[in-house]
Amino acid sequence: MAIRKIAVLGEDDVLRKKARAVEKFDKRLWTLLDDMADTMYDADGAGLAAPQVGVLKRCVVIDVGEGLIEMINPVIVRTEGEMVNVEGCLSVPGRRGTVKRPERVVV
């Protein structure tokens, strides 16, 4: 497991490209997910998507205080409610902003 470089908006084109669905579930994928979790925790983040570490795959890791969740090819099927919070992004260092999001999401 390793800490990967986090892409920065405005410096890395990978953040503007469309991620592809994961089709191969192999050791490389599990290593990627482990590295993403290590990178997210090292940066004190709550979530990290594969493109943020330079990999155009539809994978995300999150931990909002209830333990690590790894998602592969996630699809939002339902949202409920609305909430507004101040958030940051690991790919936009040093900036925070007010973001409106659904209160609940079913993936």
C-alpha atoms as a PDB file:
ATOM      1  CA  MET A   1       0.000   0.000   0.000  1.00  0.00           C
ATOM      2  CA  ALA A   2       1.195   3.462  -0.838  1.00  0.00           C
ATOM      3  CA  ILE A   3       0.355   7.122  -0.584  1.00  0.00           C
ATOM      4  CA  ARG A   4      -0.374   8.426  -4.087  1.00  0.00           C
ATOM      5  CA  LYS A   5      -0.076  11.974  -5.389  1.00  0.00           C
ATOM      6  CA  ILE A   6      -3.419  13.785  -5.343  1.00  0.00           C
ATOM      7  CA  ALA A   7      -4.235  15.595  -8.594  1.00  0.00           C
ATOM      8  CA  VAL A   8      -4.855  19.332  -8.202  1.00  0.00           C
ATOM      9  CA  LEU A   9      -7.586  21.140 -10.132  1.00  0.00           C
ATOM     10  CA  GLY A  10      -6.019  23.471 -12.696  1.00  0.00           C
ATOM     11  CA  GLU A  11      -2.751  21.536 -12.724  1.00  0.00           C
ATOM     12  CA  ASP A  12      -3.869  18.036 -13.712  1.00  0.00           C
ATOM     13  CA  ASP A  13      -5.998  17.382 -16.829  1.00  0.00           C
ATOM     14  CA  VAL A  14      -7.103  14.002 -15.454  1.00  0.00           C
ATOM     15  CA  LEU A  15      -9.722  15.769 -13.334  1.00  0.00           C
ATOM     16  CA  ARG A  16     -11.470  17.018 -16.499  1.00  0.00           C
ATOM     17  CA  LYS A  17     -11.696  13.585 -18.128  1.00  0.00           C
ATOM     18  CA  LYS A  18     -14.488  11.024 -17.852  1.00  0.00           C
ATOM     19  CA  ALA A  19     -13.730   7.969 -15.737  1.00  0.00           C
ATOM     20  CA  ARG A  20     -14.389   4.529 -17.231  1.00  0.00           C
ATOM     21  CA  ALA A  21     -16.304   1.672 -15.645  1.00  0.00           C
ATOM     22  CA  VAL A  22     -14.237  -0.974 -13.899  1.00  0.00           C
ATOM     23  CA  GLU A  23     -14.399  -4.215 -15.859  1.00  0.00           C
ATOM     24  CA  LYS A  24     -11.505  -6.172 -14.400  1.00  0.00           C
ATOM     25  CA  PHE A  25     -11.692  -7.105 -10.729  1.00  0.00           C
ATOM     26  CA  ASP A  26      -8.120  -8.118 -10.021  1.00  0.00           C
ATOM     27  CA  LYS A  27      -5.183  -7.513  -7.685  1.00  0.00           C
ATOM     28  CA  ARG A  28      -4.441  -4.152  -9.354  1.00  0.00           C
ATOM     29  CA  LEU A  29      -7.941  -2.935  -8.471  1.00  0.00           C
ATOM     30  CA  TRP A  30      -7.640  -4.020  -4.830  1.00  0.00           C
ATOM     31  CA  THR A  31      -4.207  -2.357  -4.627  1.00  0.00           C
ATOM     32  CA  LEU A  32      -5.696   0.840  -6.081  1.00  0.00           C
ATOM     33  CA  LEU A  33      -8.487   0.839  -3.481  1.00  0.00           C
ATOM     34  CA  ASP A  34      -5.998   0.213  -0.648  1.00  0.00           C
ATOM     35  CA  ASP A  35      -3.761   3.026  -1.923  1.00  0.00           C
ATOM     36  CA  MET A  36      -6.742   5.363  -2.261  1.00  0.00           C
ATOM     37  CA  ALA A  37      -7.787   4.700   1.343  1.00  0.00           C
ATOM     38  CA  ASP A  38      -4.229   5.225   2.605  1.00  0.00           C
ATOM     39  CA  THR A  39      -3.964   8.450   0.578  1.00  0.00           C
ATOM     40  CA  MET A  40      -7.335   9.749   1.808  1.00  0.00           C
ATOM     41  CA  TYR A  41      -6.509   9.077   5.469  1.00  0.00           C
ATOM     42  CA  ASP A  42      -2.995  10.533   5.095  1.00  0.00           C
ATOM     43  CA  ALA A  43      -4.500  13.753   3.683  1.00  0.00           C
ATOM     44  CA  ASP A  44      -7.192  13.826   6.416  1.00  0.00           C
ATOM     45  CA  GLY A  45      -9.942  13.564   3.801  1.00  0.00           C
ATOM     46  CA  ALA A  46     -13.452  12.106   3.947  1.00  0.00           C
ATOM     47  CA  GLY A  47     -13.538  10.783   0.389  1.00  0.00           C
ATOM     48  CA  LEU A  48     -11.371  10.242  -2.664  1.00  0.00           C
ATOM     49  CA  ALA A  49     -12.155   9.185  -6.238  1.00  0.00           C
ATOM     50  CA  ALA A  50      -9.746   7.275  -8.466  1.00  0.00           C
ATOM     51  CA  PRO A  51      -9.304  10.193 -10.932  1.00  0.00           C
ATOM     52  CA  GLN A  52      -7.990  12.254  -8.010  1.00  0.00           C
ATOM     53  CA  VAL A  53      -4.999   9.895  -7.903  1.00  0.00           C
ATOM     54  CA  GLY A  54      -4.608   9.863 -11.691  1.00  0.00           C
ATOM     55  CA  VAL A  55      -6.613   6.720 -12.504  1.00  0.00           C
ATOM     56  CA  LEU A  56      -9.617   7.090 -14.823  1.00  0.00           C
ATOM     57  CA  LYS A  57     -11.703   4.366 -13.193  1.00  0.00           C
ATOM     58  CA  ARG A  58     -15.102   4.637 -11.497  1.00  0.00           C
ATOM     59  CA  CYS A  59     -13.980   3.914  -7.923  1.00  0.00           C
ATOM     60  CA  VAL A  60     -14.374   5.915  -4.748  1.00  0.00           C
ATOM     61  CA  VAL A  61     -13.458   5.481  -1.093  1.00  0.00           C
ATOM     62  CA  ILE A  62     -15.229   7.352   1.689  1.00  0.00           C
ATOM     63  CA  ASP A  63     -15.187   7.484   5.463  1.00  0.00           C
ATOM     64  CA  VAL A  64     -17.539   9.913   7.147  1.00  0.00           C
ATOM     65  CA  GLY A  65     -16.965   8.484  10.598  1.00  0.00           C
ATOM     66  CA  GLU A  66     -18.676   5.120  10.178  1.00  0.00           C
ATOM     67  CA  GLY A  67     -15.745   3.193   8.716  1.00  0.00           C
ATOM     68  CA  LEU A  68     -14.270   2.826   5.259  1.00  0.00           C
ATOM     69  CA  ILE A  69     -16.642   2.313   2.333  1.00  0.00           C
ATOM     70  CA  GLU A  70     -15.232   1.314  -1.069  1.00  0.00           C
ATOM     71  CA  MET A  71     -17.473   1.673  -4.123  1.00  0.00           C
ATOM     72  CA  ILE A  72     -16.800   0.328  -7.603  1.00  0.00           C
ATOM     73  CA  ASN A  73     -18.922   1.610 -10.508  1.00  0.00           C
ATOM     74  CA  PRO A  74     -21.300   3.403  -8.108  1.00  0.00           C
ATOM     75  CA  VAL A  75     -24.665   4.632  -9.388  1.00  0.00           C
ATOM     76  CA  ILE A  76     -26.939   6.959  -7.410  1.00  0.00           C
ATOM     77  CA  VAL A  77     -30.431   5.435  -7.521  1.00  0.00           C
ATOM     78  CA  ARG A  78     -32.243   7.774  -5.135  1.00  0.00           C
ATOM     79  CA  THR A  79     -31.728  10.963  -3.170  1.00  0.00           C
ATOM     80  CA  GLU A  80     -33.777  12.481  -0.362  1.00  0.00           C
ATOM     81  CA  GLY A  81     -33.866  15.867   1.287  1.00  0.00           C
ATOM     82  CA  GLU A  82     -31.336  18.625   1.075  1.00  0.00           C
ATOM     83  CA  MET A  83     -28.621  20.044   3.297  1.00  0.00           C
ATOM     84  CA  VAL A  84     -25.985  22.739   3.044  1.00  0.00           C
ATOM     85  CA  ASN A  85     -22.495  22.380   4.498  1.00  0.00           C
ATOM     86  CA  VAL A  86     -19.087  23.950   4.181  1.00  0.00           C
ATOM     87  CA  GLU A  87     -16.797  21.442   2.465  1.00  0.00           C
ATOM     88  CA  GLY A  88     -13.314  21.122   1.118  1.00  0.00           C
ATOM     89  CA  CYS A  89     -11.832  18.969  -1.630  1.00  0.00           C
ATOM     90  CA  LEU A  90      -8.439  17.264  -1.597  1.00  0.00           C
ATOM     91  CA  SER A  91      -7.977  18.329  -5.246  1.00  0.00           C
ATOM     92  CA  VAL A  92      -8.636  21.987  -4.382  1.00  0.00           C
ATOM     93  CA  PRO A  93      -6.221  22.512  -1.483  1.00  0.00           C
ATOM     94  CA  GLY A  94      -6.653  25.467   0.838  1.00  0.00           C
ATOM     95  CA  ARG A  95     -10.199  26.299  -0.286  1.00  0.00           C
ATOM     96  CA  ARG A  96     -13.564  25.544   1.265  1.00  0.00           C
ATOM     97  CA  GLY A  97     -17.020  26.437   0.064  1.00  0.00           C
ATOM     98  CA  THR A  98     -20.706  26.110   0.780  1.00  0.00           C
ATOM     99  CA  VAL A  99     -22.163  23.071  -0.983  1.00  0.00           C
ATOM    100  CA  LYS A 100     -25.806  21.981  -1.304  1.00  0.00           C
ATOM    101  CA  ARG A 101     -26.196  18.181  -1.316  1.00  0.00           C
ATOM    102  CA  PRO A 102     -28.935  15.612  -0.776  1.00  0.00           C
ATOM    103  CA  GLU A 103     -29.418  14.674   2.871  1.00  0.00           C
ATOM    104  CA  ARG A 104     -29.557  10.953   2.013  1.00  0.00           C
ATOM    105  CA  VAL A 105     -28.226   9.075  -0.995  1.00  0.00           C
ATOM    106  CA  VAL A 106     -28.921   5.486  -2.013  1.00  0.00           C
ATOM    107  CA  VAL A 107     -26.143   4.008  -4.153  1.00  0.00           C
END
